Amino acid sequence: MAHIIEVVPNDTEIEAMTTPRNSKAAEAMQHKREIKKRLEDYLERAELRRALGDDELF
């Protein structure tokens, strides 16, 4: 029978996986973070509008 072992990466391994290797990769990662932040803000405002009953856009 096979044994499944889960290995949790340590902090240095996690940092190595998330650190961009060059400036172009860093710019792409920053751009993705900005887009994600804007989307989260938009969805939060939409949820607030729905909660307040001002859902004319939906």
C-alpha atoms as a PDB file:
ATOM      1  CA  MET A   1       0.000   0.000   0.000  1.00  0.00           C
ATOM      2  CA  ALA A   2       1.330   3.437  -0.896  1.00  0.00           C
ATOM      3  CA  HIS A   3       1.869   6.025   1.784  1.00  0.00           C
ATOM      4  CA  ILE A   4       1.029   9.606   0.960  1.00  0.00           C
ATOM      5  CA  ILE A   5       3.216  12.150   2.684  1.00  0.00           C
ATOM      6  CA  GLU A   6       2.400  15.838   2.445  1.00  0.00           C
ATOM      7  CA  VAL A   7       5.395  18.104   2.590  1.00  0.00           C
ATOM      8  CA  VAL A   8       4.846  21.702   3.567  1.00  0.00           C
ATOM      9  CA  PRO A   9       7.429  24.009   1.998  1.00  0.00           C
ATOM     10  CA  ASN A  10       9.430  26.175   4.347  1.00  0.00           C
ATOM     11  CA  ASP A  11       9.569  29.975   4.146  1.00  0.00           C
ATOM     12  CA  THR A  12      12.603  30.094   1.848  1.00  0.00           C
ATOM     13  CA  GLU A  13      11.006  27.683  -0.606  1.00  0.00           C
ATOM     14  CA  ILE A  14       7.784  29.682  -0.635  1.00  0.00           C
ATOM     15  CA  GLU A  15       9.686  32.925  -1.180  1.00  0.00           C
ATOM     16  CA  ALA A  16      11.680  31.363  -4.030  1.00  0.00           C
ATOM     17  CA  MET A  17       8.438  30.274  -5.725  1.00  0.00           C
ATOM     18  CA  THR A  18       6.823  33.699  -5.436  1.00  0.00           C
ATOM     19  CA  THR A  19       9.815  35.918  -6.177  1.00  0.00           C
ATOM     20  CA  PRO A  20      10.017  37.022  -9.818  1.00  0.00           C
ATOM     21  CA  ARG A  21      13.207  36.040 -11.617  1.00  0.00           C
ATOM     22  CA  ASN A  22      13.611  39.243 -13.676  1.00  0.00           C
ATOM     23  CA  SER A  23      12.188  42.743 -14.008  1.00  0.00           C
ATOM     24  CA  LYS A  24       9.653  41.765 -16.683  1.00  0.00           C
ATOM     25  CA  ALA A  25       8.285  39.019 -14.458  1.00  0.00           C
ATOM     26  CA  ALA A  26       8.153  41.480 -11.553  1.00  0.00           C
ATOM     27  CA  GLU A  27       6.172  43.952 -13.681  1.00  0.00           C
ATOM     28  CA  ALA A  28       3.755  41.218 -14.790  1.00  0.00           C
ATOM     29  CA  MET A  29       3.241  40.093 -11.197  1.00  0.00           C
ATOM     30  CA  GLN A  30       2.633  43.668 -10.043  1.00  0.00           C
ATOM     31  CA  HIS A  31       0.144  44.197 -12.880  1.00  0.00           C
ATOM     32  CA  LYS A  32      -1.755  41.033 -11.912  1.00  0.00           C
ATOM     33  CA  ARG A  33      -1.872  42.174  -8.284  1.00  0.00           C
ATOM     34  CA  GLU A  34      -3.256  45.573  -9.322  1.00  0.00           C
ATOM     35  CA  ILE A  35      -5.938  43.962 -11.470  1.00  0.00           C
ATOM     36  CA  LYS A  36      -6.885  41.574  -8.668  1.00  0.00           C
ATOM     37  CA  LYS A  37      -7.140  44.478  -6.204  1.00  0.00           C
ATOM     38  CA  ARG A  38      -9.359  46.485  -8.587  1.00  0.00           C
ATOM     39  CA  LEU A  39     -11.605  43.464  -9.166  1.00  0.00           C
ATOM     40  CA  GLU A  40     -11.920  42.827  -5.428  1.00  0.00           C
ATOM     41  CA  ASP A  41     -12.790  46.504  -4.854  1.00  0.00           C
ATOM     42  CA  TYR A  42     -15.384  46.423  -7.639  1.00  0.00           C
ATOM     43  CA  LEU A  43     -16.990  43.250  -6.300  1.00  0.00           C
ATOM     44  CA  GLU A  44     -17.033  44.670  -2.780  1.00  0.00           C
ATOM     45  CA  ARG A  45     -18.797  47.840  -3.987  1.00  0.00           C
ATOM     46  CA  ALA A  46     -21.300  45.753  -5.993  1.00  0.00           C
ATOM     47  CA  GLU A  47     -22.036  43.618  -2.945  1.00  0.00           C
ATOM     48  CA  LEU A  48     -22.543  46.734  -0.829  1.00  0.00           C
ATOM     49  CA  ARG A  49     -24.892  48.214  -3.444  1.00  0.00           C
ATOM     50  CA  ARG A  50     -26.933  45.006  -3.472  1.00  0.00           C
ATOM     51  CA  ALA A  51     -27.079  44.963   0.321  1.00  0.00           C
ATOM     52  CA  LEU A  52     -28.326  48.548   0.343  1.00  0.00           C
ATOM     53  CA  GLY A  53     -30.947  47.784  -2.315  1.00  0.00           C
ATOM     54  CA  ASP A  54     -29.322  49.934  -4.998  1.00  0.00           C
ATOM     55  CA  ASP A  55     -28.932  47.100  -7.485  1.00  0.00           C
ATOM     56  CA  GLU A  56     -30.136  48.823 -10.631  1.00  0.00           C
ATOM     57  CA  LEU A  57     -27.061  47.620 -12.540  1.00  0.00           C
ATOM     58  CA  PHE A  58     -27.756  43.958 -11.784  1.00  0.00           C
END
